[in-house]
């Protein structure tokens, strides 16, 4: 049973930073693709960042150069460091994993099977 638990969300002023964590159980993050998504009120869930099991990293254009995804294999945790936050980054952020650990470069939510409960990020202007 794969379980993902996000933490680290909160309220921050524009230009500030937050680091989100996604602690995994039932899945070894070192050997699995992992993704970060977000969903703002009234909008569809959208891809933010992903890391493959070979550590290839990819970002949505809107967050590239501001967000950094990484993983700590010993802690079995994936992180999303978010810098230079903007009000439009306000959303619930989700960590996700696909049933097929070797998935590469997938940005579609439908390709991910396991989801965390989400953590709220609010950026004030």
C-alpha atoms as a PDB file:
ATOM      1  CA  UNK A   1       0.000   0.000   0.000  1.00  0.00           C
ATOM      2  CA  UNK A   2       1.564   3.254  -1.166  1.00  0.00           C
ATOM      3  CA  UNK A   3       0.990   6.222   1.105  1.00  0.00           C
ATOM      4  CA  UNK A   4       2.176   9.765   0.489  1.00  0.00           C
ATOM      5  CA  UNK A   5       2.037  12.483   3.131  1.00  0.00           C
ATOM      6  CA  UNK A   6       2.737  16.105   2.239  1.00  0.00           C
ATOM      7  CA  UNK A   7       3.754  18.805   4.682  1.00  0.00           C
ATOM      8  CA  UNK A   8       5.298  22.248   4.680  1.00  0.00           C
ATOM      9  CA  UNK A   9       2.541  24.382   3.250  1.00  0.00           C
ATOM     10  CA  UNK A  10       1.493  27.688   4.747  1.00  0.00           C
ATOM     11  CA  UNK A  11       0.980  31.384   4.230  1.00  0.00           C
ATOM     12  CA  UNK A  12       3.849  33.403   2.789  1.00  0.00           C
ATOM     13  CA  UNK A  13       4.264  36.833   1.270  1.00  0.00           C
ATOM     14  CA  UNK A  14       5.049  37.272  -2.398  1.00  0.00           C
ATOM     15  CA  UNK A  15       8.758  36.796  -2.997  1.00  0.00           C
ATOM     16  CA  UNK A  16       9.060  34.388  -0.094  1.00  0.00           C
ATOM     17  CA  UNK A  17       9.975  30.717   0.018  1.00  0.00           C
ATOM     18  CA  UNK A  18       8.534  27.437   1.250  1.00  0.00           C
ATOM     19  CA  UNK A  19       9.747  23.859   1.157  1.00  0.00           C
ATOM     20  CA  UNK A  20       7.210  21.108   0.756  1.00  0.00           C
ATOM     21  CA  UNK A  21       7.945  17.547   1.802  1.00  0.00           C
ATOM     22  CA  UNK A  22       6.386  14.310   0.638  1.00  0.00           C
ATOM     23  CA  UNK A  23       7.107  11.337   2.875  1.00  0.00           C
ATOM     24  CA  UNK A  24       6.482   8.016   1.134  1.00  0.00           C
ATOM     25  CA  UNK A  25       5.724   4.579   2.504  1.00  0.00           C
ATOM     26  CA  UNK A  26       5.152   1.435   0.493  1.00  0.00           C
ATOM     27  CA  UNK A  27       7.219   2.930  -2.342  1.00  0.00           C
ATOM     28  CA  UNK A  28      10.954   3.624  -2.498  1.00  0.00           C
ATOM     29  CA  UNK A  29      11.361   7.110  -3.925  1.00  0.00           C
ATOM     30  CA  UNK A  30      14.873   6.290  -5.156  1.00  0.00           C
ATOM     31  CA  UNK A  31      13.412   3.790  -7.609  1.00  0.00           C
ATOM     32  CA  UNK A  32      10.210   5.543  -8.572  1.00  0.00           C
ATOM     33  CA  UNK A  33       9.022   8.460 -10.600  1.00  0.00           C
ATOM     34  CA  UNK A  34       7.415  11.079  -8.372  1.00  0.00           C
ATOM     35  CA  UNK A  35       5.473  14.177  -9.225  1.00  0.00           C
ATOM     36  CA  UNK A  36       4.221  17.406  -7.710  1.00  0.00           C
ATOM     37  CA  UNK A  37       0.921  18.879  -8.813  1.00  0.00           C
ATOM     38  CA  UNK A  38      -1.229  21.773  -7.672  1.00  0.00           C
ATOM     39  CA  UNK A  39      -4.850  22.758  -7.872  1.00  0.00           C
ATOM     40  CA  UNK A  40      -6.189  26.262  -7.380  1.00  0.00           C
ATOM     41  CA  UNK A  41      -9.885  26.911  -6.641  1.00  0.00           C
ATOM     42  CA  UNK A  42     -11.974  26.535  -9.766  1.00  0.00           C
ATOM     43  CA  UNK A  43      -9.050  25.265 -11.814  1.00  0.00           C
ATOM     44  CA  UNK A  44      -7.888  21.876 -13.003  1.00  0.00           C
ATOM     45  CA  UNK A  45      -5.073  20.058 -11.301  1.00  0.00           C
ATOM     46  CA  UNK A  46      -1.817  20.942 -13.040  1.00  0.00           C
ATOM     47  CA  UNK A  47       1.673  19.518 -13.175  1.00  0.00           C
ATOM     48  CA  UNK A  48       4.379  21.408 -11.300  1.00  0.00           C
ATOM     49  CA  UNK A  49       7.515  19.266 -11.206  1.00  0.00           C
ATOM     50  CA  UNK A  50       8.632  15.681 -11.513  1.00  0.00           C
ATOM     51  CA  UNK A  51      11.621  13.465 -10.907  1.00  0.00           C
ATOM     52  CA  UNK A  52      12.188  10.098 -12.547  1.00  0.00           C
ATOM     53  CA  UNK A  53      13.833   7.150 -10.865  1.00  0.00           C
ATOM     54  CA  UNK A  54      17.012   7.980 -12.794  1.00  0.00           C
ATOM     55  CA  UNK A  55      16.796  11.485 -11.296  1.00  0.00           C
ATOM     56  CA  UNK A  56      15.794  13.236 -14.512  1.00  0.00           C
ATOM     57  CA  UNK A  57      13.955  16.364 -13.443  1.00  0.00           C
ATOM     58  CA  UNK A  58      11.367  18.371 -15.308  1.00  0.00           C
ATOM     59  CA  UNK A  59       9.278  21.424 -14.503  1.00  0.00           C
ATOM     60  CA  UNK A  60       6.252  23.281 -15.711  1.00  0.00           C
ATOM     61  CA  UNK A  61       7.369  26.450 -17.536  1.00  0.00           C
ATOM     62  CA  UNK A  62       5.588  28.630 -14.984  1.00  0.00           C
ATOM     63  CA  UNK A  63       7.809  27.427 -12.116  1.00  0.00           C
ATOM     64  CA  UNK A  64      11.100  26.698 -13.838  1.00  0.00           C
ATOM     65  CA  UNK A  65      13.992  28.652 -12.297  1.00  0.00           C
ATOM     66  CA  UNK A  66      11.925  29.254  -9.153  1.00  0.00           C
ATOM     67  CA  UNK A  67      11.094  25.726  -7.915  1.00  0.00           C
ATOM     68  CA  UNK A  68      13.459  22.837  -7.303  1.00  0.00           C
ATOM     69  CA  UNK A  69      12.478  19.205  -6.833  1.00  0.00           C
ATOM     70  CA  UNK A  70      14.793  16.816  -5.003  1.00  0.00           C
ATOM     71  CA  UNK A  71      14.701  13.626  -3.014  1.00  0.00           C
ATOM     72  CA  UNK A  72      16.379  12.202   0.069  1.00  0.00           C
ATOM     73  CA  UNK A  73      16.701   8.474  -0.429  1.00  0.00           C
ATOM     74  CA  UNK A  74      17.581   7.795   3.212  1.00  0.00           C
ATOM     75  CA  UNK A  75      14.461   9.578   4.421  1.00  0.00           C
ATOM     76  CA  UNK A  76      12.395   8.237   1.509  1.00  0.00           C
ATOM     77  CA  UNK A  77      11.126  11.771   0.996  1.00  0.00           C
ATOM     78  CA  UNK A  78      10.694  14.045  -1.997  1.00  0.00           C
ATOM     79  CA  UNK A  79      10.923  17.814  -1.633  1.00  0.00           C
ATOM     80  CA  UNK A  80       9.723  20.836  -3.552  1.00  0.00           C
ATOM     81  CA  UNK A  81      11.680  23.983  -2.769  1.00  0.00           C
ATOM     82  CA  UNK A  82       9.676  26.997  -3.874  1.00  0.00           C
ATOM     83  CA  UNK A  83      11.379  30.374  -4.146  1.00  0.00           C
ATOM     84  CA  UNK A  84      10.224  33.767  -5.424  1.00  0.00           C
ATOM     85  CA  UNK A  85       6.649  32.782  -4.768  1.00  0.00           C
ATOM     86  CA  UNK A  86       3.872  34.661  -6.527  1.00  0.00           C
ATOM     87  CA  UNK A  87       0.189  35.041  -5.648  1.00  0.00           C
ATOM     88  CA  UNK A  88      -0.637  32.855  -8.651  1.00  0.00           C
ATOM     89  CA  UNK A  89       1.232  29.987  -6.981  1.00  0.00           C
ATOM     90  CA  UNK A  90      -1.558  29.812  -4.412  1.00  0.00           C
ATOM     91  CA  UNK A  91      -3.056  26.315  -4.537  1.00  0.00           C
ATOM     92  CA  UNK A  92      -3.262  22.971  -2.807  1.00  0.00           C
ATOM     93  CA  UNK A  93      -0.088  21.094  -3.627  1.00  0.00           C
ATOM     94  CA  UNK A  94      -0.112  17.320  -4.065  1.00  0.00           C
ATOM     95  CA  UNK A  95       2.570  14.698  -4.246  1.00  0.00           C
ATOM     96  CA  UNK A  96       1.895  11.750  -6.531  1.00  0.00           C
ATOM     97  CA  UNK A  97       3.402   8.482  -7.699  1.00  0.00           C
ATOM     98  CA  UNK A  98       2.533   6.268 -10.678  1.00  0.00           C
ATOM     99  CA  UNK A  99       1.755   2.572 -10.404  1.00  0.00           C
ATOM    100  CA  UNK A 100       4.597   2.039 -12.897  1.00  0.00           C
ATOM    101  CA  UNK A 101       7.708   3.275 -11.068  1.00  0.00           C
ATOM    102  CA  UNK A 102       9.708   3.655 -14.284  1.00  0.00           C
ATOM    103  CA  UNK A 103       7.423   6.246 -15.835  1.00  0.00           C
ATOM    104  CA  UNK A 104       9.409   9.054 -17.441  1.00  0.00           C
ATOM    105  CA  UNK A 105       8.472  12.636 -18.164  1.00  0.00           C
ATOM    106  CA  UNK A 106       4.790  12.250 -17.429  1.00  0.00           C
ATOM    107  CA  UNK A 107       2.955  15.453 -16.643  1.00  0.00           C
ATOM    108  CA  UNK A 108      -0.626  14.200 -16.872  1.00  0.00           C
ATOM    109  CA  UNK A 109      -2.400  13.675 -13.537  1.00  0.00           C
ATOM    110  CA  UNK A 110      -4.242  10.664 -14.970  1.00  0.00           C
ATOM    111  CA  UNK A 111      -0.944   8.804 -15.280  1.00  0.00           C
ATOM    112  CA  UNK A 112      -0.398   8.960 -11.517  1.00  0.00           C
ATOM    113  CA  UNK A 113      -2.153   6.451  -9.286  1.00  0.00           C
ATOM    114  CA  UNK A 114      -1.210   7.370  -5.740  1.00  0.00           C
ATOM    115  CA  UNK A 115      -1.841  10.788  -4.237  1.00  0.00           C
ATOM    116  CA  UNK A 116      -1.231  12.498  -0.944  1.00  0.00           C
ATOM    117  CA  UNK A 117      -3.853  14.497   0.883  1.00  0.00           C
ATOM    118  CA  UNK A 118      -2.411  17.809  -0.254  1.00  0.00           C
ATOM    119  CA  UNK A 119      -0.992  20.819   1.549  1.00  0.00           C
ATOM    120  CA  UNK A 120      -2.253  24.380   1.170  1.00  0.00           C
ATOM    121  CA  UNK A 121       0.115  27.074  -0.076  1.00  0.00           C
ATOM    122  CA  UNK A 122      -1.157  30.647   0.079  1.00  0.00           C
ATOM    123  CA  UNK A 123       0.907  33.529  -1.281  1.00  0.00           C
ATOM    124  CA  UNK A 124      -0.238  37.020  -0.331  1.00  0.00           C
ATOM    125  CA  UNK A 125       0.513  40.057  -2.458  1.00  0.00           C
END
